[in-house]
Amino acid sequence: MPILTVIAIYFILWWTVLFIVLPLGYRSQREEGEVTLGTVESAPAKFRGGRVILLTTVISAAIYLAYHLASAYFGIGISSIPNIVPRFPQ
């Protein structure tokens, strides 16, 4: 697989996983009872960006590794997914 394809797949996967990981462990300022003046109550009390990036990277790498193993060693790919839309005769 060309390196640019690998980078593109991982990039898209990383951003998708980021939006899944982002709300994990989220606590709002209202829940903590410490609302900073000038912010909304639903703002994060403590944003842990490093933790989010690290967790996203690890999960994305594991998912990409599973995809790579399935496609390279077992021959499972996008073409293996059954067609949902039936083919009509013309």
N, C-alpha and C. Protein backbone atom coordinates (compact mmCIF):
# COMPACT_ATOMS: atom_id res chain seq x y z
N MET A 1 0.85 -1.16 0.00
CA MET A 1 0.00 0.00 0.00
C MET A 1 0.91 1.24 0.00
N PRO A 2 0.64 2.19 -0.88
CA PRO A 2 1.47 3.41 -0.93
C PRO A 2 1.41 4.19 0.40
N ILE A 3 2.51 4.84 0.73
CA ILE A 3 2.62 5.53 2.02
C ILE A 3 1.60 6.66 2.14
N LEU A 4 1.30 7.36 1.05
CA LEU A 4 0.31 8.43 1.13
C LEU A 4 -1.09 7.89 1.42
N THR A 5 -1.38 6.71 0.93
CA THR A 5 -2.66 6.08 1.24
C THR A 5 -2.74 5.72 2.72
N VAL A 6 -1.67 5.19 3.25
CA VAL A 6 -1.61 4.85 4.67
C VAL A 6 -1.80 6.11 5.52
N ILE A 7 -1.11 7.19 5.16
CA ILE A 7 -1.23 8.44 5.91
C ILE A 7 -2.64 8.99 5.82
N ALA A 8 -3.25 8.94 4.64
CA ALA A 8 -4.60 9.47 4.46
C ALA A 8 -5.62 8.67 5.28
N ILE A 9 -5.52 7.36 5.25
CA ILE A 9 -6.45 6.51 6.01
C ILE A 9 -6.28 6.77 7.51
N TYR A 10 -5.03 6.84 7.96
CA TYR A 10 -4.79 7.07 9.38
C TYR A 10 -5.26 8.46 9.80
N PHE A 11 -5.07 9.46 8.96
CA PHE A 11 -5.50 10.83 9.26
C PHE A 11 -7.01 10.91 9.43
N ILE A 12 -7.74 10.31 8.52
CA ILE A 12 -9.21 10.31 8.62
C ILE A 12 -9.66 9.52 9.84
N LEU A 13 -9.04 8.39 10.08
CA LEU A 13 -9.37 7.57 11.25
C LEU A 13 -9.07 8.32 12.55
N TRP A 14 -7.94 9.02 12.60
CA TRP A 14 -7.55 9.75 13.80
C TRP A 14 -8.58 10.83 14.14
N TRP A 15 -9.02 11.59 13.15
CA TRP A 15 -9.99 12.65 13.40
C TRP A 15 -11.35 12.08 13.81
N THR A 16 -11.73 10.96 13.25
CA THR A 16 -12.98 10.32 13.63
C THR A 16 -12.93 9.86 15.08
N VAL A 17 -11.83 9.23 15.46
CA VAL A 17 -11.66 8.74 16.83
C VAL A 17 -11.56 9.91 17.81
N LEU A 18 -10.99 11.02 17.37
CA LEU A 18 -10.88 12.19 18.24
C LEU A 18 -12.24 12.63 18.75
N PHE A 19 -13.23 12.67 17.87
CA PHE A 19 -14.56 13.11 18.29
C PHE A 19 -15.27 12.07 19.15
N ILE A 20 -14.80 10.85 19.15
CA ILE A 20 -15.33 9.83 20.05
C ILE A 20 -14.67 9.95 21.42
N VAL A 21 -13.37 10.24 21.45
CA VAL A 21 -12.60 10.30 22.69
C VAL A 21 -12.81 11.62 23.43
N LEU A 22 -13.07 12.69 22.71
CA LEU A 22 -13.14 14.02 23.30
C LEU A 22 -14.08 14.13 24.51
N PRO A 23 -15.28 13.56 24.49
CA PRO A 23 -16.14 13.70 25.67
C PRO A 23 -15.83 12.75 26.83
N LEU A 24 -14.89 11.83 26.66
CA LEU A 24 -14.57 10.89 27.75
C LEU A 24 -13.95 11.64 28.92
N GLY A 25 -14.48 11.47 30.10
CA GLY A 25 -13.96 12.11 31.29
C GLY A 25 -14.29 13.59 31.39
N TYR A 26 -15.21 14.06 30.58
CA TYR A 26 -15.58 15.47 30.56
C TYR A 26 -16.37 15.83 31.81
N ARG A 27 -15.97 16.91 32.46
CA ARG A 27 -16.71 17.46 33.60
C ARG A 27 -16.84 18.95 33.35
N SER A 28 -18.07 19.44 33.41
CA SER A 28 -18.31 20.86 33.16
C SER A 28 -18.00 21.68 34.40
N GLN A 29 -17.90 22.99 34.19
CA GLN A 29 -17.66 23.88 35.33
C GLN A 29 -18.84 23.85 36.29
N ARG A 30 -20.04 23.67 35.77
CA ARG A 30 -21.23 23.59 36.63
C ARG A 30 -21.14 22.37 37.53
N GLU A 31 -20.70 21.22 36.96
CA GLU A 31 -20.59 20.00 37.76
C GLU A 31 -19.51 20.13 38.84
N GLU A 32 -18.46 20.86 38.53
CA GLU A 32 -17.38 21.05 39.50
C GLU A 32 -17.73 22.13 40.52
N GLY A 33 -18.71 22.99 40.20
CA GLY A 33 -19.11 24.05 41.12
C GLY A 33 -18.20 25.26 41.09
N GLU A 34 -17.36 25.36 40.06
CA GLU A 34 -16.43 26.48 39.94
C GLU A 34 -16.55 27.10 38.56
N VAL A 35 -17.49 28.01 38.40
CA VAL A 35 -17.69 28.67 37.10
C VAL A 35 -16.81 29.91 37.04
N THR A 36 -15.91 29.94 36.05
CA THR A 36 -15.01 31.07 35.86
C THR A 36 -15.78 32.23 35.26
N LEU A 37 -15.55 33.41 35.76
CA LEU A 37 -16.23 34.59 35.27
C LEU A 37 -15.93 34.81 33.79
N GLY A 38 -16.98 35.01 32.99
CA GLY A 38 -16.83 35.24 31.56
C GLY A 38 -16.93 33.99 30.72
N THR A 39 -17.17 32.83 31.34
CA THR A 39 -17.32 31.59 30.58
C THR A 39 -18.71 31.02 30.83
N VAL A 40 -19.12 30.13 29.95
CA VAL A 40 -20.41 29.48 30.13
C VAL A 40 -20.26 28.33 31.12
N GLU A 41 -21.37 27.95 31.74
CA GLU A 41 -21.32 26.89 32.75
C GLU A 41 -20.96 25.53 32.16
N SER A 42 -21.24 25.35 30.86
CA SER A 42 -20.98 24.05 30.24
C SER A 42 -19.54 23.91 29.74
N ALA A 43 -18.71 24.91 29.93
CA ALA A 43 -17.30 24.82 29.52
C ALA A 43 -16.59 23.78 30.37
N PRO A 44 -15.57 23.12 29.80
CA PRO A 44 -14.85 22.11 30.58
C PRO A 44 -14.15 22.73 31.79
N ALA A 45 -14.19 22.03 32.90
CA ALA A 45 -13.52 22.51 34.10
C ALA A 45 -12.01 22.37 33.95
N LYS A 46 -11.57 21.22 33.47
CA LYS A 46 -10.14 20.96 33.24
C LYS A 46 -10.01 20.25 31.91
N PHE A 47 -9.44 20.91 30.93
CA PHE A 47 -9.25 20.28 29.63
C PHE A 47 -7.89 19.61 29.61
N ARG A 48 -7.88 18.34 29.35
CA ARG A 48 -6.64 17.56 29.32
C ARG A 48 -6.33 17.20 27.87
N GLY A 49 -5.78 18.15 27.14
CA GLY A 49 -5.52 17.97 25.72
C GLY A 49 -4.50 16.89 25.42
N GLY A 50 -3.46 16.81 26.24
CA GLY A 50 -2.43 15.79 26.03
C GLY A 50 -2.99 14.39 26.18
N ARG A 51 -3.84 14.21 27.18
CA ARG A 51 -4.46 12.89 27.41
C ARG A 51 -5.36 12.52 26.24
N VAL A 52 -6.13 13.49 25.74
CA VAL A 52 -7.04 13.25 24.62
C VAL A 52 -6.24 12.87 23.37
N ILE A 53 -5.17 13.59 23.08
CA ILE A 53 -4.36 13.32 21.89
C ILE A 53 -3.69 11.96 21.99
N LEU A 54 -3.13 11.65 23.16
CA LEU A 54 -2.47 10.35 23.35
C LEU A 54 -3.46 9.20 23.21
N LEU A 55 -4.60 9.31 23.85
CA LEU A 55 -5.61 8.25 23.77
C LEU A 55 -6.13 8.08 22.35
N THR A 56 -6.33 9.20 21.66
CA THR A 56 -6.79 9.15 20.26
C THR A 56 -5.76 8.46 19.38
N THR A 57 -4.49 8.78 19.58
CA THR A 57 -3.42 8.18 18.78
C THR A 57 -3.32 6.68 19.02
N VAL A 58 -3.41 6.26 20.27
CA VAL A 58 -3.30 4.83 20.60
C VAL A 58 -4.48 4.05 20.02
N ILE A 59 -5.69 4.57 20.20
CA ILE A 59 -6.87 3.87 19.68
C ILE A 59 -6.86 3.83 18.17
N SER A 60 -6.47 4.93 17.53
CA SER A 60 -6.41 4.97 16.06
C SER A 60 -5.37 3.99 15.53
N ALA A 61 -4.23 3.91 16.21
CA ALA A 61 -3.20 2.96 15.78
C ALA A 61 -3.69 1.52 15.90
N ALA A 62 -4.42 1.21 16.96
CA ALA A 62 -4.95 -0.15 17.14
C ALA A 62 -5.98 -0.48 16.07
N ILE A 63 -6.85 0.46 15.76
CA ILE A 63 -7.87 0.24 14.72
C ILE A 63 -7.20 0.09 13.37
N TYR A 64 -6.20 0.93 13.07
CA TYR A 64 -5.53 0.83 11.79
C TYR A 64 -4.76 -0.49 11.68
N LEU A 65 -4.14 -0.92 12.76
CA LEU A 65 -3.42 -2.19 12.75
C LEU A 65 -4.39 -3.34 12.47
N ALA A 66 -5.56 -3.32 13.08
CA ALA A 66 -6.57 -4.35 12.82
C ALA A 66 -7.02 -4.32 11.36
N TYR A 67 -7.22 -3.11 10.83
CA TYR A 67 -7.59 -2.98 9.41
C TYR A 67 -6.48 -3.52 8.51
N HIS A 68 -5.25 -3.17 8.82
CA HIS A 68 -4.12 -3.61 7.99
C HIS A 68 -3.97 -5.14 8.03
N LEU A 69 -4.09 -5.71 9.21
CA LEU A 69 -3.99 -7.17 9.31
C LEU A 69 -5.13 -7.85 8.56
N ALA A 70 -6.34 -7.31 8.67
CA ALA A 70 -7.48 -7.90 7.98
C ALA A 70 -7.32 -7.80 6.47
N SER A 71 -6.77 -6.70 5.98
CA SER A 71 -6.65 -6.54 4.53
C SER A 71 -5.42 -7.25 3.97
N ALA A 72 -4.30 -7.20 4.67
CA ALA A 72 -3.07 -7.77 4.13
C ALA A 72 -2.99 -9.29 4.29
N TYR A 73 -3.39 -9.80 5.44
CA TYR A 73 -3.20 -11.22 5.71
C TYR A 73 -4.45 -12.07 5.48
N PHE A 74 -5.63 -11.47 5.63
CA PHE A 74 -6.86 -12.23 5.48
C PHE A 74 -7.62 -11.87 4.21
N GLY A 75 -7.19 -10.85 3.49
CA GLY A 75 -7.83 -10.48 2.24
C GLY A 75 -9.19 -9.82 2.41
N ILE A 76 -9.46 -9.31 3.59
CA ILE A 76 -10.74 -8.65 3.84
C ILE A 76 -10.56 -7.17 3.54
N GLY A 77 -11.42 -6.63 2.69
CA GLY A 77 -11.33 -5.23 2.33
C GLY A 77 -12.70 -4.65 2.07
N ILE A 78 -12.72 -3.47 1.50
CA ILE A 78 -13.97 -2.80 1.20
C ILE A 78 -14.81 -3.63 0.23
N SER A 79 -14.17 -4.29 -0.70
CA SER A 79 -14.92 -5.09 -1.69
C SER A 79 -15.56 -6.33 -1.05
N SER A 80 -15.16 -6.69 0.16
CA SER A 80 -15.75 -7.85 0.84
C SER A 80 -17.10 -7.55 1.48
N ILE A 81 -17.42 -6.27 1.61
CA ILE A 81 -18.69 -5.89 2.19
C ILE A 81 -19.79 -6.21 1.19
N PRO A 82 -20.83 -6.89 1.62
CA PRO A 82 -21.89 -7.22 0.66
C PRO A 82 -22.61 -5.96 0.17
N ASN A 83 -23.12 -6.06 -1.04
CA ASN A 83 -23.86 -4.93 -1.62
C ASN A 83 -25.20 -4.80 -0.93
N ILE A 84 -25.52 -3.59 -0.50
CA ILE A 84 -26.79 -3.34 0.16
C ILE A 84 -27.86 -3.04 -0.89
N VAL A 85 -27.47 -2.32 -1.92
CA VAL A 85 -28.40 -1.95 -2.97
C VAL A 85 -28.39 -3.06 -4.03
N PRO A 86 -29.53 -3.64 -4.34
CA PRO A 86 -29.54 -4.71 -5.34
C PRO A 86 -29.26 -4.18 -6.75
N ARG A 87 -28.71 -5.02 -7.56
CA ARG A 87 -28.45 -4.66 -8.96
C ARG A 87 -29.68 -5.03 -9.79
N PHE A 88 -30.21 -4.05 -10.48
CA PHE A 88 -31.37 -4.28 -11.32
C PHE A 88 -30.96 -4.49 -12.76
N PRO A 89 -31.62 -5.42 -13.45
CA PRO A 89 -31.28 -5.61 -14.87
C PRO A 89 -31.66 -4.38 -15.67
N GLN A 90 -30.88 -4.11 -16.70
CA GLN A 90 -31.15 -2.92 -17.51
C GLN A 90 -31.96 -3.23 -18.73
